Amino acid sequence: MSWYEHPEVRAAFVSAATTVLTGVAGFGVLLWRLRVEAQRAIDENKATEALKLKLKIYEQEVVPTVERVENARVALATFVRLFVVALRNYQTLARAGVPAATPTERVPDLIKLNTAFEAETVAIVTFTERWFVVDPRFEIFKIAINAALHDAREAWGAYYDGVMRAMPTDLPDRVHWNPPDSALIDAIEAVSDRFIDRLQEVTAYTYDFQAEMQNILVGPLFGNNTVPRRQPIDPRHVVISLENDALLTRYFREDTAWGQATRATEESVRASLSRASP
């Protein structure tokens, strides 16, 4: 019998082999656990950094943008309201034979306020384009703001045509102003109300924007608590939410003046390209 065939020797070999295999298996399990833990740490770190970035986006971009839009809207709407009040006061005092001051509102100031409002509101559109990677559903706010601005611009056109004839003009040596009659003041008040209503629609969408951004960017830090959505008294008023982005996108593209104008433009471009092709 060879030495390696001896039972005790073979038992020793088996024992050694078993020990080696057990050690290798244990080492393999250890490596697997280390890989799992390492991946878990990487995932947790990525999640933490993502939350930090989302909080930064909300604090440094969403909140200031919403504040600037609201401040610009209030400044513009206040100007519009005060001009109507000034016209009414002048008319009332003039009828009573009491000297009345000329309104202080001027067309250049009005244009500056409206331009500022549009610029601040468009910042929401650029925000959605810049952070589309966070959540593709952000695009619904780009669509909604474009639709609201389209309506505001149409109301602005009617308003501006009415007030440019009624606002005083500063000349080098004097103020030129022909006080409007009652019919024109009534017309100005009507287009003012319409314009302010369109501005408030933009503000409503801005509130929806902040609420949805707060829910998706900040909510996870606080157990996913959600900010209540706006609940307009008139059910015809649209509330923007990310969970209904597909339905809302269809509404804005098919049932709004902006959507109809966009489709008309696209069809015109396609027709032009078709005529230009050989």
C-alpha atoms as a PDB file:
ATOM      1  CA  MET A   1       0.000   0.000   0.000  1.00  0.00           C
ATOM      2  CA  SER A   2       1.387   3.356  -1.003  1.00  0.00           C
ATOM      3  CA  TRP A   3       1.706   5.984   1.658  1.00  0.00           C
ATOM      4  CA  TYR A   4      -0.881   8.194   0.008  1.00  0.00           C
ATOM      5  CA  GLU A   5      -3.350   5.299   0.023  1.00  0.00           C
ATOM      6  CA  HIS A   6      -3.155   4.982   3.755  1.00  0.00           C
ATOM      7  CA  PRO A   7      -6.575   5.822   5.325  1.00  0.00           C
ATOM      8  CA  GLU A   8      -5.158   8.357   7.711  1.00  0.00           C
ATOM      9  CA  VAL A   9      -3.252  10.134   4.949  1.00  0.00           C
ATOM     10  CA  ARG A  10      -6.313  10.212   2.725  1.00  0.00           C
ATOM     11  CA  ALA A  11      -8.408  11.513   5.598  1.00  0.00           C
ATOM     12  CA  ALA A  12      -5.831  14.236   6.180  1.00  0.00           C
ATOM     13  CA  PHE A  13      -5.949  15.194   2.503  1.00  0.00           C
ATOM     14  CA  VAL A  14      -9.736  15.304   2.534  1.00  0.00           C
ATOM     15  CA  SER A  15      -9.719  17.397   5.676  1.00  0.00           C
ATOM     16  CA  ALA A  16      -7.166  19.790   4.214  1.00  0.00           C
ATOM     17  CA  ALA A  17      -9.075  20.041   0.960  1.00  0.00           C
ATOM     18  CA  THR A  18     -12.298  20.680   2.824  1.00  0.00           C
ATOM     19  CA  THR A  19     -10.613  23.390   4.857  1.00  0.00           C
ATOM     20  CA  VAL A  20      -9.229  25.016   1.728  1.00  0.00           C
ATOM     21  CA  LEU A  21     -12.566  24.833  -0.066  1.00  0.00           C
ATOM     22  CA  THR A  22     -14.367  26.211   2.993  1.00  0.00           C
ATOM     23  CA  GLY A  23     -11.842  29.015   3.193  1.00  0.00           C
ATOM     24  CA  VAL A  24     -12.218  29.790  -0.487  1.00  0.00           C
ATOM     25  CA  ALA A  25     -16.001  29.721  -0.219  1.00  0.00           C
ATOM     26  CA  GLY A  26     -15.887  31.914   2.858  1.00  0.00           C
ATOM     27  CA  PHE A  27     -13.563  34.317   1.103  1.00  0.00           C
ATOM     28  CA  GLY A  28     -15.928  34.373  -1.854  1.00  0.00           C
ATOM     29  CA  VAL A  29     -18.863  35.136   0.418  1.00  0.00           C
ATOM     30  CA  LEU A  30     -16.800  37.856   2.068  1.00  0.00           C
ATOM     31  CA  LEU A  31     -15.974  39.393  -1.317  1.00  0.00           C
ATOM     32  CA  TRP A  32     -19.638  39.226  -2.318  1.00  0.00           C
ATOM     33  CA  ARG A  33     -20.675  40.919   0.922  1.00  0.00           C
ATOM     34  CA  LEU A  34     -18.025  43.581   0.437  1.00  0.00           C
ATOM     35  CA  ARG A  35     -19.258  44.227  -3.101  1.00  0.00           C
ATOM     36  CA  VAL A  36     -22.861  44.423  -1.892  1.00  0.00           C
ATOM     37  CA  GLU A  37     -21.926  46.798   0.912  1.00  0.00           C
ATOM     38  CA  ALA A  38     -19.815  48.888  -1.414  1.00  0.00           C
ATOM     39  CA  GLN A  39     -22.660  49.137  -3.948  1.00  0.00           C
ATOM     40  CA  ARG A  40     -25.080  49.967  -1.169  1.00  0.00           C
ATOM     41  CA  ALA A  41     -22.772  52.717   0.042  1.00  0.00           C
ATOM     42  CA  ILE A  42     -22.459  54.038  -3.507  1.00  0.00           C
ATOM     43  CA  ASP A  43     -26.240  53.998  -3.966  1.00  0.00           C
ATOM     44  CA  GLU A  44     -26.804  55.719  -0.621  1.00  0.00           C
ATOM     45  CA  ASN A  45     -24.190  58.336  -1.449  1.00  0.00           C
ATOM     46  CA  LYS A  46     -25.779  58.946  -4.852  1.00  0.00           C
ATOM     47  CA  ALA A  47     -29.207  59.277  -3.220  1.00  0.00           C
ATOM     48  CA  THR A  48     -27.816  61.700  -0.637  1.00  0.00           C
ATOM     49  CA  GLU A  49     -26.100  63.810  -3.278  1.00  0.00           C
ATOM     50  CA  ALA A  50     -29.267  63.781  -5.399  1.00  0.00           C
ATOM     51  CA  LEU A  51     -31.304  65.051  -2.443  1.00  0.00           C
ATOM     52  CA  LYS A  52     -28.718  67.765  -1.802  1.00  0.00           C
ATOM     53  CA  LEU A  53     -28.883  68.836  -5.435  1.00  0.00           C
ATOM     54  CA  LYS A  54     -32.695  68.852  -5.425  1.00  0.00           C
ATOM     55  CA  LEU A  55     -32.761  70.951  -2.266  1.00  0.00           C
ATOM     56  CA  LYS A  56     -30.263  73.350  -3.836  1.00  0.00           C
ATOM     57  CA  ILE A  57     -32.374  73.604  -6.988  1.00  0.00           C
ATOM     58  CA  TYR A  58     -35.472  74.367  -4.942  1.00  0.00           C
ATOM     59  CA  GLU A  59     -33.826  76.907  -2.650  1.00  0.00           C
ATOM     60  CA  GLN A  60     -31.670  78.691  -5.217  1.00  0.00           C
ATOM     61  CA  GLU A  61     -33.831  78.510  -8.322  1.00  0.00           C
ATOM     62  CA  VAL A  62     -37.483  77.642  -7.703  1.00  0.00           C
ATOM     63  CA  VAL A  63     -38.169  79.931  -4.744  1.00  0.00           C
ATOM     64  CA  PRO A  64     -36.402  83.041  -6.149  1.00  0.00           C
ATOM     65  CA  THR A  65     -37.992  82.530  -9.579  1.00  0.00           C
ATOM     66  CA  VAL A  66     -41.497  82.282  -8.151  1.00  0.00           C
ATOM     67  CA  GLU A  67     -40.926  85.339  -5.955  1.00  0.00           C
ATOM     68  CA  ARG A  68     -39.693  87.410  -8.892  1.00  0.00           C
ATOM     69  CA  VAL A  69     -42.655  86.403 -11.051  1.00  0.00           C
ATOM     70  CA  GLU A  70     -45.120  87.309  -8.308  1.00  0.00           C
ATOM     71  CA  ASN A  71     -43.401  90.611  -7.551  1.00  0.00           C
ATOM     72  CA  ALA A  72     -43.390  91.524 -11.244  1.00  0.00           C
ATOM     73  CA  ARG A  73     -47.056  90.612 -11.598  1.00  0.00           C
ATOM     74  CA  VAL A  74     -48.054  92.641  -8.542  1.00  0.00           C
ATOM     75  CA  ALA A  75     -46.121  95.662  -9.781  1.00  0.00           C
ATOM     76  CA  LEU A  76     -47.727  95.487 -13.222  1.00  0.00           C
ATOM     77  CA  ALA A  77     -51.255  94.782 -11.975  1.00  0.00           C
ATOM     78  CA  THR A  78     -50.983  97.581  -9.404  1.00  0.00           C
ATOM     79  CA  PHE A  79     -49.923 100.038 -12.088  1.00  0.00           C
ATOM     80  CA  VAL A  80     -52.875  99.017 -14.251  1.00  0.00           C
ATOM     81  CA  ARG A  81     -55.333  99.326 -11.357  1.00  0.00           C
ATOM     82  CA  LEU A  82     -54.005 102.663 -10.189  1.00  0.00           C
ATOM     83  CA  PHE A  83     -54.365 104.206 -13.624  1.00  0.00           C
ATOM     84  CA  VAL A  84     -58.060 103.328 -13.713  1.00  0.00           C
ATOM     85  CA  VAL A  85     -58.458 104.742 -10.196  1.00  0.00           C
ATOM     86  CA  ALA A  86     -56.664 107.926 -11.249  1.00  0.00           C
ATOM     87  CA  LEU A  87     -58.970 108.344 -14.246  1.00  0.00           C
ATOM     88  CA  ARG A  88     -62.077 107.803 -12.120  1.00  0.00           C
ATOM     89  CA  ASN A  89     -60.861 110.247  -9.465  1.00  0.00           C
ATOM     90  CA  TYR A  90     -60.040 112.901 -12.059  1.00  0.00           C
ATOM     91  CA  GLN A  91     -63.453 112.507 -13.657  1.00  0.00           C
ATOM     92  CA  THR A  92     -65.255 112.738 -10.316  1.00  0.00           C
ATOM     93  CA  LEU A  93     -63.356 115.818  -9.183  1.00  0.00           C
ATOM     94  CA  ALA A  94     -63.694 117.525 -12.558  1.00  0.00           C
ATOM     95  CA  ARG A  95     -67.445 117.072 -12.495  1.00  0.00           C
ATOM     96  CA  ALA A  96     -67.503 118.641  -9.060  1.00  0.00           C
ATOM     97  CA  GLY A  97     -65.470 121.587 -10.283  1.00  0.00           C
ATOM     98  CA  VAL A  98     -62.517 120.661  -8.083  1.00  0.00           C
ATOM     99  CA  PRO A  99     -58.988 120.886  -9.533  1.00  0.00           C
ATOM    100  CA  ALA A 100     -57.586 117.403 -10.055  1.00  0.00           C
ATOM    101  CA  ALA A 101     -54.058 116.166 -10.571  1.00  0.00           C
ATOM    102  CA  THR A 102     -52.989 114.621 -13.829  1.00  0.00           C
ATOM    103  CA  PRO A 103     -52.376 110.861 -13.515  1.00  0.00           C
ATOM    104  CA  THR A 104     -48.740 109.976 -12.882  1.00  0.00           C
ATOM    105  CA  GLU A 105     -48.780 106.789 -14.953  1.00  0.00           C
ATOM    106  CA  ARG A 106     -46.815 106.867 -18.227  1.00  0.00           C
ATOM    107  CA  VAL A 107     -46.566 104.526 -21.205  1.00  0.00           C
ATOM    108  CA  PRO A 108     -42.772 103.930 -20.934  1.00  0.00           C
ATOM    109  CA  ASP A 109     -43.200 102.814 -17.319  1.00  0.00           C
ATOM    110  CA  LEU A 110     -46.021 100.509 -18.330  1.00  0.00           C
ATOM    111  CA  ILE A 111     -43.931  98.927 -21.078  1.00  0.00           C
ATOM    112  CA  LYS A 112     -41.018  98.439 -18.682  1.00  0.00           C
ATOM    113  CA  LEU A 113     -43.228  96.689 -16.123  1.00  0.00           C
ATOM    114  CA  ASN A 114     -44.792  94.391 -18.715  1.00  0.00           C
ATOM    115  CA  THR A 115     -41.396  93.525 -20.166  1.00  0.00           C
ATOM    116  CA  ALA A 116     -40.090  92.682 -16.696  1.00  0.00           C
ATOM    117  CA  PHE A 117     -43.100  90.482 -16.003  1.00  0.00           C
ATOM    118  CA  GLU A 118     -42.622  88.504 -19.208  1.00  0.00           C
ATOM    119  CA  ALA A 119     -38.900  88.104 -18.599  1.00  0.00           C
ATOM    120  CA  GLU A 120     -39.416  86.778 -15.074  1.00  0.00           C
ATOM    121  CA  THR A 121     -42.167  84.398 -16.188  1.00  0.00           C
ATOM    122  CA  VAL A 122     -40.119  82.990 -19.059  1.00  0.00           C
ATOM    123  CA  ALA A 123     -37.538  81.997 -16.416  1.00  0.00           C
ATOM    124  CA  ILE A 124     -39.887  79.140 -15.468  1.00  0.00           C
ATOM    125  CA  VAL A 125     -39.725  77.878 -19.046  1.00  0.00           C
ATOM    126  CA  THR A 126     -35.916  77.954 -19.060  1.00  0.00           C
ATOM    127  CA  PHE A 127     -35.898  76.213 -15.678  1.00  0.00           C
ATOM    128  CA  THR A 128     -37.871  73.268 -17.035  1.00  0.00           C
ATOM    129  CA  GLU A 129     -35.515  73.029 -20.007  1.00  0.00           C
ATOM    130  CA  ARG A 130     -32.448  73.173 -17.775  1.00  0.00           C
ATOM    131  CA  TRP A 131     -33.655  70.519 -15.318  1.00  0.00           C
ATOM    132  CA  PHE A 132     -35.589  68.248 -17.658  1.00  0.00           C
ATOM    133  CA  VAL A 133     -33.196  65.471 -16.619  1.00  0.00           C
ATOM    134  CA  VAL A 134     -34.612  65.519 -13.067  1.00  0.00           C
ATOM    135  CA  ASP A 135     -38.099  64.619 -14.258  1.00  0.00           C
ATOM    136  CA  PRO A 136     -39.288  64.717 -17.906  1.00  0.00           C
ATOM    137  CA  ARG A 137     -42.749  65.678 -16.662  1.00  0.00           C
ATOM    138  CA  PHE A 138     -41.392  69.160 -15.906  1.00  0.00           C
ATOM    139  CA  GLU A 139     -42.227  69.965 -19.532  1.00  0.00           C
ATOM    140  CA  ILE A 140     -45.885  70.447 -18.629  1.00  0.00           C
ATOM    141  CA  PHE A 141     -44.972  73.708 -16.912  1.00  0.00           C
ATOM    142  CA  LYS A 142     -43.154  74.904 -20.012  1.00  0.00           C
ATOM    143  CA  ILE A 143     -46.321  74.203 -21.986  1.00  0.00           C
ATOM    144  CA  ALA A 144     -48.676  75.739 -19.414  1.00  0.00           C
ATOM    145  CA  ILE A 145     -46.621  78.922 -19.002  1.00  0.00           C
ATOM    146  CA  ASN A 146     -46.358  79.355 -22.768  1.00  0.00           C
ATOM    147  CA  ALA A 147     -50.130  78.995 -23.062  1.00  0.00           C
ATOM    148  CA  ALA A 148     -50.763  81.467 -20.228  1.00  0.00           C
ATOM    149  CA  LEU A 149     -48.296  83.987 -21.657  1.00  0.00           C
ATOM    150  CA  HIS A 150     -50.000  83.695 -25.049  1.00  0.00           C
ATOM    151  CA  ASP A 151     -53.315  84.716 -23.453  1.00  0.00           C
ATOM    152  CA  ALA A 152     -51.621  87.485 -21.447  1.00  0.00           C
ATOM    153  CA  ARG A 153     -50.012  88.902 -24.585  1.00  0.00           C
ATOM    154  CA  GLU A 154     -53.342  88.982 -26.384  1.00  0.00           C
ATOM    155  CA  ALA A 155     -54.918  90.795 -23.419  1.00  0.00           C
ATOM    156  CA  TRP A 156     -51.927  93.118 -23.272  1.00  0.00           C
ATOM    157  CA  GLY A 157     -52.422  94.091 -26.920  1.00  0.00           C
ATOM    158  CA  ALA A 158     -56.023  95.129 -26.321  1.00  0.00           C
ATOM    159  CA  TYR A 159     -55.100  96.908 -23.093  1.00  0.00           C
ATOM    160  CA  TYR A 160     -52.174  98.797 -24.591  1.00  0.00           C
ATOM    161  CA  ASP A 161     -54.223  99.987 -27.581  1.00  0.00           C
ATOM    162  CA  GLY A 162     -56.732 101.433 -25.140  1.00  0.00           C
ATOM    163  CA  VAL A 163     -54.448 103.130 -22.640  1.00  0.00           C
ATOM    164  CA  MET A 164     -51.815 104.587 -24.961  1.00  0.00           C
ATOM    165  CA  ARG A 165     -54.404 107.155 -26.055  1.00  0.00           C
ATOM    166  CA  ALA A 166     -55.394 107.966 -22.506  1.00  0.00           C
ATOM    167  CA  MET A 167     -52.086 108.182 -20.633  1.00  0.00           C
ATOM    168  CA  PRO A 168     -50.377 111.554 -20.266  1.00  0.00           C
ATOM    169  CA  THR A 169     -47.212 112.189 -22.288  1.00  0.00           C
ATOM    170  CA  ASP A 170     -44.230 114.104 -20.950  1.00  0.00           C
ATOM    171  CA  LEU A 171     -43.045 116.661 -23.484  1.00  0.00           C
ATOM    172  CA  PRO A 172     -39.888 118.782 -23.038  1.00  0.00           C
ATOM    173  CA  ASP A 173     -41.846 121.799 -21.813  1.00  0.00           C
ATOM    174  CA  ARG A 174     -45.115 120.373 -20.569  1.00  0.00           C
ATOM    175  CA  VAL A 175     -47.357 117.374 -20.015  1.00  0.00           C
ATOM    176  CA  HIS A 176     -49.671 116.589 -22.893  1.00  0.00           C
ATOM    177  CA  TRP A 177     -52.938 114.976 -21.892  1.00  0.00           C
ATOM    178  CA  ASN A 178     -56.498 114.966 -23.100  1.00  0.00           C
ATOM    179  CA  PRO A 179     -58.685 113.584 -20.297  1.00  0.00           C
ATOM    180  CA  PRO A 180     -60.699 110.630 -21.632  1.00  0.00           C
ATOM    181  CA  ASP A 181     -64.470 110.688 -21.547  1.00  0.00           C
ATOM    182  CA  SER A 182     -66.608 108.249 -19.593  1.00  0.00           C
ATOM    183  CA  ALA A 183     -66.989 105.808 -22.489  1.00  0.00           C
ATOM    184  CA  LEU A 184     -63.229 105.539 -22.943  1.00  0.00           C
ATOM    185  CA  ILE A 185     -62.657 105.120 -19.198  1.00  0.00           C
ATOM    186  CA  ASP A 186     -65.219 102.313 -19.141  1.00  0.00           C
ATOM    187  CA  ALA A 187     -63.453 100.671 -22.073  1.00  0.00           C
ATOM    188  CA  ILE A 188     -60.067 101.024 -20.367  1.00  0.00           C
ATOM    189  CA  GLU A 189     -61.423  99.492 -17.177  1.00  0.00           C
ATOM    190  CA  ALA A 190     -62.819  96.546 -19.126  1.00  0.00           C
ATOM    191  CA  VAL A 191     -59.537  95.775 -20.897  1.00  0.00           C
ATOM    192  CA  SER A 192     -57.676  96.372 -17.611  1.00  0.00           C
ATOM    193  CA  ASP A 193     -59.798  93.738 -15.856  1.00  0.00           C
ATOM    194  CA  ARG A 194     -59.218  91.305 -18.692  1.00  0.00           C
ATOM    195  CA  PHE A 195     -55.475  91.898 -18.669  1.00  0.00           C
ATOM    196  CA  ILE A 196     -55.201  91.503 -14.889  1.00  0.00           C
ATOM    197  CA  ASP A 197     -57.222  88.299 -15.077  1.00  0.00           C
ATOM    198  CA  ARG A 198     -54.730  86.889 -17.588  1.00  0.00           C
ATOM    199  CA  LEU A 199     -51.862  87.918 -15.312  1.00  0.00           C
ATOM    200  CA  GLN A 200     -53.512  86.077 -12.440  1.00  0.00           C
ATOM    201  CA  GLU A 201     -53.724  82.943 -14.571  1.00  0.00           C
ATOM    202  CA  VAL A 202     -49.952  83.040 -14.913  1.00  0.00           C
ATOM    203  CA  THR A 203     -49.663  83.448 -11.146  1.00  0.00           C
ATOM    204  CA  ALA A 204     -51.951  80.445 -10.604  1.00  0.00           C
ATOM    205  CA  TYR A 205     -49.697  78.265 -12.741  1.00  0.00           C
ATOM    206  CA  THR A 206     -46.702  79.677 -10.890  1.00  0.00           C
ATOM    207  CA  TYR A 207     -48.237  78.529  -7.598  1.00  0.00           C
ATOM    208  CA  ASP A 208     -48.786  75.077  -9.094  1.00  0.00           C
ATOM    209  CA  PHE A 209     -45.169  75.080 -10.236  1.00  0.00           C
ATOM    210  CA  GLN A 210     -43.845  75.847  -6.763  1.00  0.00           C
ATOM    211  CA  ALA A 211     -46.127  73.285  -5.111  1.00  0.00           C
ATOM    212  CA  GLU A 212     -45.117  70.498  -7.497  1.00  0.00           C
ATOM    213  CA  MET A 213     -41.421  71.380  -7.279  1.00  0.00           C
ATOM    214  CA  GLN A 214     -41.656  71.398  -3.493  1.00  0.00           C
ATOM    215  CA  ASN A 215     -43.294  67.978  -3.510  1.00  0.00           C
ATOM    216  CA  ILE A 216     -40.814  66.346  -5.854  1.00  0.00           C
ATOM    217  CA  LEU A 217     -37.614  68.133  -4.822  1.00  0.00           C
ATOM    218  CA  VAL A 218     -38.082  68.665  -1.083  1.00  0.00           C
ATOM    219  CA  GLY A 219     -40.824  66.202  -0.144  1.00  0.00           C
ATOM    220  CA  PRO A 220     -38.515  63.150   0.184  1.00  0.00           C
ATOM    221  CA  LEU A 221     -36.576  64.967   2.908  1.00  0.00           C
ATOM    222  CA  PHE A 222     -39.712  65.104   5.045  1.00  0.00           C
ATOM    223  CA  GLY A 223     -41.271  61.717   4.482  1.00  0.00           C
ATOM    224  CA  ASN A 224     -42.762  62.676   1.124  1.00  0.00           C
ATOM    225  CA  ASN A 225     -45.273  65.030   2.703  1.00  0.00           C
ATOM    226  CA  THR A 226     -47.189  66.753  -0.069  1.00  0.00           C
ATOM    227  CA  VAL A 227     -48.218  70.367  -0.484  1.00  0.00           C
ATOM    228  CA  PRO A 228     -51.978  70.589  -1.181  1.00  0.00           C
ATOM    229  CA  ARG A 229     -52.791  71.456  -4.761  1.00  0.00           C
ATOM    230  CA  ARG A 230     -54.678  74.600  -5.658  1.00  0.00           C
ATOM    231  CA  GLN A 231     -58.459  74.215  -5.607  1.00  0.00           C
ATOM    232  CA  PRO A 232     -60.073  76.968  -7.701  1.00  0.00           C
ATOM    233  CA  ILE A 233     -63.686  77.825  -7.064  1.00  0.00           C
ATOM    234  CA  ASP A 234     -64.409  77.792 -10.791  1.00  0.00           C
ATOM    235  CA  PRO A 235     -63.867  74.216 -12.040  1.00  0.00           C
ATOM    236  CA  ARG A 236     -63.057  75.558 -15.504  1.00  0.00           C
ATOM    237  CA  HIS A 237     -59.724  76.820 -14.175  1.00  0.00           C
ATOM    238  CA  VAL A 238     -56.938  74.342 -14.794  1.00  0.00           C
ATOM    239  CA  VAL A 239     -54.644  73.090 -12.024  1.00  0.00           C
ATOM    240  CA  ILE A 240     -51.230  71.889 -13.164  1.00  0.00           C
ATOM    241  CA  SER A 241     -49.881  68.678 -11.650  1.00  0.00           C
ATOM    242  CA  LEU A 242     -47.112  66.342 -12.718  1.00  0.00           C
ATOM    243  CA  GLU A 243     -49.253  63.242 -12.287  1.00  0.00           C
ATOM    244  CA  ASN A 244     -51.682  64.540 -14.924  1.00  0.00           C
ATOM    245  CA  ASP A 245     -49.031  65.797 -17.333  1.00  0.00           C
ATOM    246  CA  ALA A 246     -50.188  63.690 -20.300  1.00  0.00           C
ATOM    247  CA  LEU A 247     -53.819  64.789 -20.002  1.00  0.00           C
ATOM    248  CA  LEU A 248     -52.836  68.421 -19.444  1.00  0.00           C
ATOM    249  CA  THR A 249     -50.451  68.378 -22.388  1.00  0.00           C
ATOM    250  CA  ARG A 250     -53.245  67.204 -24.644  1.00  0.00           C
ATOM    251  CA  TYR A 251     -55.550  69.912 -23.275  1.00  0.00           C
ATOM    252  CA  PHE A 252     -53.081  72.742 -23.839  1.00  0.00           C
ATOM    253  CA  ARG A 253     -52.106  71.553 -27.302  1.00  0.00           C
ATOM    254  CA  GLU A 254     -55.653  70.925 -28.510  1.00  0.00           C
ATOM    255  CA  ASP A 255     -58.019  73.230 -26.596  1.00  0.00           C
ATOM    256  CA  THR A 256     -56.176  76.504 -25.985  1.00  0.00           C
ATOM    257  CA  ALA A 257     -55.483  79.528 -28.155  1.00  0.00           C
ATOM    258  CA  TRP A 258     -51.770  78.869 -27.767  1.00  0.00           C
ATOM    259  CA  GLY A 259     -52.175  75.284 -28.942  1.00  0.00           C
ATOM    260  CA  GLN A 260     -54.207  76.345 -31.971  1.00  0.00           C
ATOM    261  CA  ALA A 261     -51.690  79.047 -32.864  1.00  0.00           C
ATOM    262  CA  THR A 262     -48.818  76.578 -32.468  1.00  0.00           C
ATOM    263  CA  ARG A 263     -50.490  74.045 -34.748  1.00  0.00           C
ATOM    264  CA  ALA A 264     -51.216  76.733 -37.338  1.00  0.00           C
ATOM    265  CA  THR A 265     -47.567  77.785 -37.303  1.00  0.00           C
ATOM    266  CA  GLU A 266     -46.357  74.194 -37.627  1.00  0.00           C
ATOM    267  CA  GLU A 267     -48.717  73.533 -40.529  1.00  0.00           C
ATOM    268  CA  SER A 268     -47.558  76.713 -42.248  1.00  0.00           C
ATOM    269  CA  VAL A 269     -43.916  75.695 -41.894  1.00  0.00           C
ATOM    270  CA  ARG A 270     -44.636  72.216 -43.241  1.00  0.00           C
ATOM    271  CA  ALA A 271     -46.481  73.692 -46.206  1.00  0.00           C
ATOM    272  CA  SER A 272     -43.593  76.041 -46.934  1.00  0.00           C
ATOM    273  CA  LEU A 273     -41.091  73.189 -46.767  1.00  0.00           C
ATOM    274  CA  SER A 274     -43.282  71.076 -49.023  1.00  0.00           C
ATOM    275  CA  ARG A 275     -43.483  73.841 -51.652  1.00  0.00           C
ATOM    276  CA  ALA A 276     -39.725  74.436 -51.439  1.00  0.00           C
ATOM    277  CA  SER A 277     -38.780  70.760 -51.885  1.00  0.00           C
ATOM    278  CA  PRO A 278     -37.935  69.697 -55.481  1.00  0.00           C
END
